[in-house]
Every structure is written in C-alpha cells, then in structure tokens.
Amino acid sequence: MVGSVEPAERRVREARDFPYRSELLASLSALILLWESPGLQSEILTSSGEPIDQPAHSALRHLAAGQPMRPSDLAEVMGTGASNISKILKRLEAENLVVRDTDPGDTRSTVITLTDEGVAAARHIYELGDDMIAQVLSGWTARDIARYTDLTKRFVADAISAAGDMRREGLRRRTD
C-alpha cells in the first residue's frame, strides 16, 4: 500500500532526495528547485503583500539584467512559450512597467524595455531578494557570509567558464 503523498509544491526537496555522488551538486539542486519554485515565490510574494505576480516579477528581473530584450529571448530565459510571454507583457504594459519598441537591428522585430516605473519596480524586486537573503543569513557571522560569498563568486565564475567549454566539447567523463 502506498502512503500519502504531499503535493509537490509543498514538499521541500532536500539534498538527500538527489542521488548524485556529489553532495555539493545535490545541495545546489535542492536550493535551485526551492528558490525557482513558482509556487513558493507566489506564496512569499502574497504573504509579503506584493502586488505584482510571480511571472511578472521574473520578467522584470530578467529585463532589468539585460534590456532591451526581444520577447522571444525573454521567453527563452524564463523557460516559457511565446503565448505566455505575450500575456505577461500585456499585464506589464497595462501597469506601465514596460514598452514595446521596434528593434533597431531588425525592424520586423520588437524589443521590450522597462519604463521608469518598471525600473523602480525591478529595483524593488531586487530589494525583496536582498531582504530574503538577509533573512536566510540572519544567524550567520559576517565572517561566514564573506567567506561563503567569496567561494560562491569563485564557483559561479568557474561554472560560467566550464559551461562554455561544455557547450563546445561536451562533458569530460570522470576517470576515477
């Protein structure tokens, strides 16, 4: 007999749920799934009284990090389809947070740019992220935070470099 199953969005995955040999990769997998969970993000935004929904937050974050952006590129980085991006962008346009302009490099295409209100909303989103990480690290010492930050920056730089190599050459198989 099968026991009761918790809804997927309620059960937080832990590193032990991932059968990687690397404890680091298992921990990162659990963290990524937790923080990228639309359900968790929506719950946090709702309980924080945030008026913008999670998909709009995600779009604003991506636009703030790399605008102007074609809708198709935004859909790709958000991992969604064109029709969903169209709906998200319509909501953002209605709130005067983004505008569509003709792509100067290809007049058949459009690009999305943040308005001044959109820039302010995006800054607010990043402030919420800062509040979130401060809450997570509230029990850490300044020294531990600095050490973890330095190691994470190094890890990210190495991961970006390795990703380029992997795109060109594929994965190197372990030899142990």
C-alpha atoms as a PDB file:
ATOM      1  CA  MET A   1       0.000   0.000   0.000  1.00  0.00           C
ATOM      2  CA  VAL A   2       1.296   3.448  -0.919  1.00  0.00           C
ATOM      3  CA  GLY A   3       1.422   6.087   1.819  1.00  0.00           C
ATOM      4  CA  SER A   4       0.018   9.571   1.428  1.00  0.00           C
ATOM      5  CA  VAL A   5       1.842  11.846  -0.952  1.00  0.00           C
ATOM      6  CA  GLU A   6       2.407  15.515  -0.219  1.00  0.00           C
ATOM      7  CA  PRO A   7       1.654  17.933  -3.046  1.00  0.00           C
ATOM      8  CA  ALA A   8       4.880  18.590  -4.975  1.00  0.00           C
ATOM      9  CA  GLU A   9       4.847  22.318  -4.283  1.00  0.00           C
ATOM     10  CA  ARG A  10       4.531  21.699  -0.518  1.00  0.00           C
ATOM     11  CA  ARG A  11       7.274  19.119  -0.109  1.00  0.00           C
ATOM     12  CA  VAL A  12      10.612  20.846   0.020  1.00  0.00           C
ATOM     13  CA  ARG A  13      13.313  18.780  -1.665  1.00  0.00           C
ATOM     14  CA  GLU A  14      16.443  18.155   0.327  1.00  0.00           C
ATOM     15  CA  ALA A  15      19.916  17.223  -0.868  1.00  0.00           C
ATOM     16  CA  ARG A  16      19.328  13.597   0.130  1.00  0.00           C
ATOM     17  CA  ASP A  17      16.494  13.408  -2.438  1.00  0.00           C
ATOM     18  CA  PHE A  18      19.013  13.644  -5.286  1.00  0.00           C
ATOM     19  CA  PRO A  19      21.188  10.572  -5.921  1.00  0.00           C
ATOM     20  CA  TYR A  20      24.257  12.468  -7.110  1.00  0.00           C
ATOM     21  CA  ARG A  21      27.647  11.295  -5.890  1.00  0.00           C
ATOM     22  CA  SER A  22      28.466  14.973  -5.342  1.00  0.00           C
ATOM     23  CA  GLU A  23      26.975  16.300  -2.116  1.00  0.00           C
ATOM     24  CA  LEU A  24      27.555  19.818  -3.473  1.00  0.00           C
ATOM     25  CA  LEU A  25      25.500  19.135  -6.607  1.00  0.00           C
ATOM     26  CA  ALA A  26      22.717  17.555  -4.560  1.00  0.00           C
ATOM     27  CA  SER A  27      22.623  20.588  -2.263  1.00  0.00           C
ATOM     28  CA  LEU A  28      22.640  23.011  -5.191  1.00  0.00           C
ATOM     29  CA  SER A  29      19.827  21.066  -6.848  1.00  0.00           C
ATOM     30  CA  ALA A  30      17.698  21.343  -3.723  1.00  0.00           C
ATOM     31  CA  LEU A  31      18.426  25.067  -3.440  1.00  0.00           C
ATOM     32  CA  ILE A  32      17.678  25.812  -7.107  1.00  0.00           C
ATOM     33  CA  LEU A  33      14.392  23.902  -7.003  1.00  0.00           C
ATOM     34  CA  LEU A  34      13.396  25.697  -3.810  1.00  0.00           C
ATOM     35  CA  TRP A  35      14.171  29.222  -4.965  1.00  0.00           C
ATOM     36  CA  GLU A  36      12.968  28.754  -8.543  1.00  0.00           C
ATOM     37  CA  SER A  37       9.655  27.253  -7.424  1.00  0.00           C
ATOM     38  CA  PRO A  38       6.856  29.436  -8.809  1.00  0.00           C
ATOM     39  CA  GLY A  39       4.588  28.174  -6.042  1.00  0.00           C
ATOM     40  CA  LEU A  40       6.974  29.191  -3.260  1.00  0.00           C
ATOM     41  CA  GLN A  41       7.715  32.531  -4.906  1.00  0.00           C
ATOM     42  CA  SER A  42       4.000  33.254  -5.290  1.00  0.00           C
ATOM     43  CA  GLU A  43       3.341  32.350  -1.645  1.00  0.00           C
ATOM     44  CA  ILE A  44       6.173  34.604  -0.451  1.00  0.00           C
ATOM     45  CA  LEU A  45       5.005  37.498  -2.645  1.00  0.00           C
ATOM     46  CA  THR A  46       1.403  37.097  -1.490  1.00  0.00           C
ATOM     47  CA  SER A  47       2.307  36.888   2.206  1.00  0.00           C
ATOM     48  CA  SER A  48       4.558  39.944   1.761  1.00  0.00           C
ATOM     49  CA  GLY A  49       1.688  41.957   0.254  1.00  0.00           C
ATOM     50  CA  GLU A  50       3.437  42.300  -3.109  1.00  0.00           C
ATOM     51  CA  PRO A  51       1.012  43.442  -5.844  1.00  0.00           C
ATOM     52  CA  ILE A  52       2.951  42.017  -8.820  1.00  0.00           C
ATOM     53  CA  ASP A  53       2.573  38.296  -9.567  1.00  0.00           C
ATOM     54  CA  GLN A  54       5.495  35.860  -9.778  1.00  0.00           C
ATOM     55  CA  PRO A  55       5.722  35.625 -13.603  1.00  0.00           C
ATOM     56  CA  ALA A  56       5.767  39.426 -13.844  1.00  0.00           C
ATOM     57  CA  HIS A  57       8.485  39.540 -11.163  1.00  0.00           C
ATOM     58  CA  SER A  58      10.572  37.086 -13.137  1.00  0.00           C
ATOM     59  CA  ALA A  59      10.145  39.068 -16.360  1.00  0.00           C
ATOM     60  CA  LEU A  60      11.102  42.331 -14.657  1.00  0.00           C
ATOM     61  CA  ARG A  61      14.202  40.733 -13.105  1.00  0.00           C
ATOM     62  CA  HIS A  62      15.346  39.435 -16.486  1.00  0.00           C
ATOM     63  CA  LEU A  63      14.641  42.736 -18.214  1.00  0.00           C
ATOM     64  CA  ALA A  64      16.497  44.699 -15.540  1.00  0.00           C
ATOM     65  CA  ALA A  65      19.503  42.419 -16.003  1.00  0.00           C
ATOM     66  CA  GLY A  66      19.594  42.627 -19.801  1.00  0.00           C
ATOM     67  CA  GLN A  67      17.292  45.039 -21.568  1.00  0.00           C
ATOM     68  CA  PRO A  68      16.216  45.775 -24.189  1.00  0.00           C
ATOM     69  CA  MET A  69      15.155  42.233 -24.955  1.00  0.00           C
ATOM     70  CA  ARG A  70      13.101  40.575 -27.671  1.00  0.00           C
ATOM     71  CA  PRO A  71      10.001  38.784 -26.379  1.00  0.00           C
ATOM     72  CA  SER A  72      11.328  35.500 -27.801  1.00  0.00           C
ATOM     73  CA  ASP A  73      14.579  35.925 -25.852  1.00  0.00           C
ATOM     74  CA  LEU A  74      12.639  36.722 -22.698  1.00  0.00           C
ATOM     75  CA  ALA A  75      10.540  33.587 -23.223  1.00  0.00           C
ATOM     76  CA  GLU A  76      13.704  31.530 -23.607  1.00  0.00           C
ATOM     77  CA  VAL A  77      15.384  32.769 -20.419  1.00  0.00           C
ATOM     78  CA  MET A  78      12.143  32.335 -18.491  1.00  0.00           C
ATOM     79  CA  GLY A  79      11.623  28.832 -19.892  1.00  0.00           C
ATOM     80  CA  THR A  80       8.161  29.529 -21.241  1.00  0.00           C
ATOM     81  CA  GLY A  81       6.349  29.928 -24.537  1.00  0.00           C
ATOM     82  CA  ALA A  82       5.522  32.900 -26.700  1.00  0.00           C
ATOM     83  CA  SER A  83       1.831  32.981 -25.749  1.00  0.00           C
ATOM     84  CA  ASN A  84       2.652  33.059 -22.036  1.00  0.00           C
ATOM     85  CA  ILE A  85       5.210  35.846 -22.526  1.00  0.00           C
ATOM     86  CA  SER A  86       2.641  37.778 -24.519  1.00  0.00           C
ATOM     87  CA  LYS A  87       0.181  37.574 -21.601  1.00  0.00           C
ATOM     88  CA  ILE A  88       2.847  38.600 -19.076  1.00  0.00           C
ATOM     89  CA  LEU A  89       3.958  41.532 -21.231  1.00  0.00           C
ATOM     90  CA  LYS A  90       0.359  42.711 -21.697  1.00  0.00           C
ATOM     91  CA  ARG A  91      -0.051  42.836 -17.897  1.00  0.00           C
ATOM     92  CA  LEU A  92       3.245  44.708 -17.535  1.00  0.00           C
ATOM     93  CA  GLU A  93       2.273  47.147 -20.308  1.00  0.00           C
ATOM     94  CA  ALA A  94      -1.105  47.759 -18.647  1.00  0.00           C
ATOM     95  CA  GLU A  95       0.787  48.676 -15.460  1.00  0.00           C
ATOM     96  CA  ASN A  96       3.100  50.974 -17.492  1.00  0.00           C
ATOM     97  CA  LEU A  97       6.133  48.917 -16.460  1.00  0.00           C
ATOM     98  CA  VAL A  98       7.359  48.019 -19.973  1.00  0.00           C
ATOM     99  CA  VAL A  99       7.092  49.369 -23.508  1.00  0.00           C
ATOM    100  CA  ARG A 100       7.485  47.661 -26.858  1.00  0.00           C
ATOM    101  CA  ASP A 101       9.662  49.323 -29.460  1.00  0.00           C
ATOM    102  CA  THR A 102      10.865  48.392 -32.920  1.00  0.00           C
ATOM    103  CA  ASP A 103      14.176  46.556 -32.795  1.00  0.00           C
ATOM    104  CA  PRO A 104      16.693  48.948 -34.380  1.00  0.00           C
ATOM    105  CA  GLY A 105      18.687  45.948 -35.653  1.00  0.00           C
ATOM    106  CA  ASP A 106      15.664  44.285 -37.284  1.00  0.00           C
ATOM    107  CA  THR A 107      12.608  46.432 -37.955  1.00  0.00           C
ATOM    108  CA  ARG A 108      10.446  43.295 -38.266  1.00  0.00           C
ATOM    109  CA  SER A 109      11.005  42.564 -34.569  1.00  0.00           C
ATOM    110  CA  THR A 110      10.151  44.290 -31.323  1.00  0.00           C
ATOM    111  CA  VAL A 111      12.135  44.750 -28.152  1.00  0.00           C
ATOM    112  CA  ILE A 112      10.873  45.215 -24.631  1.00  0.00           C
ATOM    113  CA  THR A 113      12.259  47.977 -22.438  1.00  0.00           C
ATOM    114  CA  LEU A 114      11.478  48.945 -18.865  1.00  0.00           C
ATOM    115  CA  THR A 115       9.763  52.283 -18.294  1.00  0.00           C
ATOM    116  CA  ASP A 116      10.884  54.478 -15.400  1.00  0.00           C
ATOM    117  CA  GLU A 117       8.138  52.824 -13.345  1.00  0.00           C
ATOM    118  CA  GLY A 118       9.407  49.440 -14.498  1.00  0.00           C
ATOM    119  CA  VAL A 119      12.945  50.279 -13.404  1.00  0.00           C
ATOM    120  CA  ALA A 120      11.588  51.264  -9.981  1.00  0.00           C
ATOM    121  CA  ALA A 121       9.556  48.032  -9.774  1.00  0.00           C
ATOM    122  CA  ALA A 122      12.619  45.986 -10.768  1.00  0.00           C
ATOM    123  CA  ARG A 123      14.723  47.730  -8.115  1.00  0.00           C
ATOM    124  CA  HIS A 124      12.026  46.845  -5.594  1.00  0.00           C
ATOM    125  CA  ILE A 125      12.207  43.203  -6.684  1.00  0.00           C
ATOM    126  CA  TYR A 126      15.947  43.185  -6.088  1.00  0.00           C
ATOM    127  CA  GLU A 127      15.354  44.788  -2.678  1.00  0.00           C
ATOM    128  CA  LEU A 128      12.971  41.921  -1.873  1.00  0.00           C
ATOM    129  CA  GLY A 129      15.749  39.498  -2.854  1.00  0.00           C
ATOM    130  CA  ASP A 130      18.155  41.327  -0.559  1.00  0.00           C
ATOM    131  CA  ASP A 131      15.600  41.057   2.257  1.00  0.00           C
ATOM    132  CA  MET A 132      15.195  37.346   1.549  1.00  0.00           C
ATOM    133  CA  ILE A 133      18.926  36.585   1.665  1.00  0.00           C
ATOM    134  CA  ALA A 134      19.303  38.714   4.805  1.00  0.00           C
ATOM    135  CA  GLN A 135      16.585  36.626   6.458  1.00  0.00           C
ATOM    136  CA  VAL A 136      18.276  33.381   5.381  1.00  0.00           C
ATOM    137  CA  LEU A 137      21.666  34.540   6.678  1.00  0.00           C
ATOM    138  CA  SER A 138      20.420  36.264   9.837  1.00  0.00           C
ATOM    139  CA  GLY A 139      22.126  33.682  12.073  1.00  0.00           C
ATOM    140  CA  TRP A 140      25.447  33.777  10.227  1.00  0.00           C
ATOM    141  CA  THR A 141      28.519  35.740  11.266  1.00  0.00           C
ATOM    142  CA  ALA A 142      29.866  38.463   8.988  1.00  0.00           C
ATOM    143  CA  ARG A 143      32.984  36.333   8.502  1.00  0.00           C
ATOM    144  CA  ASP A 144      30.944  33.288   7.393  1.00  0.00           C
ATOM    145  CA  ILE A 145      28.909  35.431   4.989  1.00  0.00           C
ATOM    146  CA  ALA A 146      32.061  36.938   3.476  1.00  0.00           C
ATOM    147  CA  ARG A 147      33.707  33.524   3.108  1.00  0.00           C
ATOM    148  CA  TYR A 148      30.598  31.951   1.553  1.00  0.00           C
ATOM    149  CA  THR A 149      30.195  34.940  -0.783  1.00  0.00           C
ATOM    150  CA  ASP A 150      33.799  34.701  -1.957  1.00  0.00           C
ATOM    151  CA  LEU A 151      33.521  30.954  -2.578  1.00  0.00           C
ATOM    152  CA  THR A 152      30.185  31.368  -4.360  1.00  0.00           C
ATOM    153  CA  LYS A 153      31.605  34.089  -6.633  1.00  0.00           C
ATOM    154  CA  ARG A 154      34.518  31.810  -7.465  1.00  0.00           C
ATOM    155  CA  PHE A 155      32.157  28.870  -8.091  1.00  0.00           C
ATOM    156  CA  VAL A 156      29.928  30.944 -10.396  1.00  0.00           C
ATOM    157  CA  ALA A 157      32.910  32.245 -12.400  1.00  0.00           C
ATOM    158  CA  ASP A 158      34.243  28.698 -12.786  1.00  0.00           C
ATOM    159  CA  ALA A 159      30.771  27.380 -13.705  1.00  0.00           C
ATOM    160  CA  ILE A 160      30.375  30.043 -16.411  1.00  0.00           C
ATOM    161  CA  SER A 161      33.786  29.209 -17.824  1.00  0.00           C
ATOM    162  CA  ALA A 162      33.125  25.465 -17.696  1.00  0.00           C
ATOM    163  CA  ALA A 163      29.720  25.922 -19.352  1.00  0.00           C
ATOM    164  CA  GLY A 164      31.451  27.468 -22.363  1.00  0.00           C
ATOM    165  CA  ASP A 165      33.832  24.519 -22.550  1.00  0.00           C
ATOM    166  CA  MET A 166      30.947  22.037 -22.168  1.00  0.00           C
ATOM    167  CA  ARG A 167      28.990  23.704 -24.975  1.00  0.00           C
ATOM    168  CA  ARG A 168      31.944  23.362 -27.317  1.00  0.00           C
ATOM    169  CA  GLU A 169      33.362  19.995 -26.235  1.00  0.00           C
ATOM    170  CA  GLY A 170      30.669  18.201 -24.247  1.00  0.00           C
ATOM    171  CA  LEU A 171      31.261  16.711 -20.828  1.00  0.00           C
ATOM    172  CA  ARG A 172      34.545  15.141 -19.876  1.00  0.00           C
ATOM    173  CA  ARG A 173      33.915  11.765 -18.297  1.00  0.00           C
ATOM    174  CA  ARG A 174      35.215  11.163 -14.805  1.00  0.00           C
ATOM    175  CA  THR A 175      38.155   8.773 -14.684  1.00  0.00           C
ATOM    176  CA  ASP A 176      38.002   7.538 -11.065  1.00  0.00           C
END
